[in-house]
Amino acid sequence: MRYTVKQLAELTGVTIKALHHYHKIKLLEPCEVTEAGYRLYGTEELEQLQQILFYKELDFPLQEIKQAMADEPNRLRCLVRQQEALRLRKQRMHRLLITLEDSIRFAEKGEHMDQSQMFQGLNKEEWEAALSEQNSYLKENYEYDMLVGQEIDPEQLNEAAQGAEAFMSGLAQALRDGWSPTDERLQELLAQHIVYLNELGFETTAKSFVDQAAFFVEDDFHRNMMESQQTGMSYYLYTAAVFYRDKDRESHQDESNGQ
């Protein structure tokens, strides 16, 4: 079966103007042009148009779509790649929707949202933008650039942000519930979080965790970031971390004495 430009536009939802443009730039050419000048499209062109629309959904510019299709003559392989890209986008959009819903909920309550929670579901460019304020602060005050030589892995950062949000929420709730910094439940929460950080590739020990908690207390930017979620949380975390470190030291000493 052959389709005219008008019929193809009605079938696919792509405008006649867009189809004419695709022909002009040789992205999608008709299989036949009649003597009367009518462009006709067959099954192969429909499949090509489907691939074009998949790429457009992934925000590819037209010239990049043209190049991608020229480099990917195998339709099945192309579809599999597009399926994977769209699946990842679906996961990311799901995370972004959850983050947006949480943002609305916090805004309705007039509360501040934890910054780690705000950035769930971001891509590489969005993470760079999100980290720019913090990085500028660190460069200005500590001459430290956390982005130099660091390849941003959005999947790792999104997962870390999700874990950080869960930990900070648990910490804030423990403080509201009046748990002592030495409470076994809170100590277990710290232990699980440190294990989680190491699983993500962030090398963390009991001592380095205390150093990080101390920095959160001493530094205005990071202390305010934590205090905006729950008053007193930065000091609460530091006290709990010190107790955890001391317990960890005692445990290792006991193991050494027992050998």
Foldseek 3Di string as FASTA:
>chain_A
DKDWLVRVCVVPVDDSVVVVVCCVVVQQAAPDQDPVGTGIHDPVSVLSVVLVVLVVVVVDPSVVSSVVCVVPVDSVVSVVVSVVSVVLVVVLVVLVVVLVVVVVVCVVVVADDQLLSNCASDDPVVVCVSCVVVQVVCCVPPVDHPPVPDDDDNVLSNVLSVLVNVLLVVLQVCVVVPPALQDPVNLVSVVVSQVVCVVSVNNDDLVVQLVVLVCCVPDPVNVCSSVSRPNPSSVSSNVSSVSSSVVVVVVVVVVVVVD
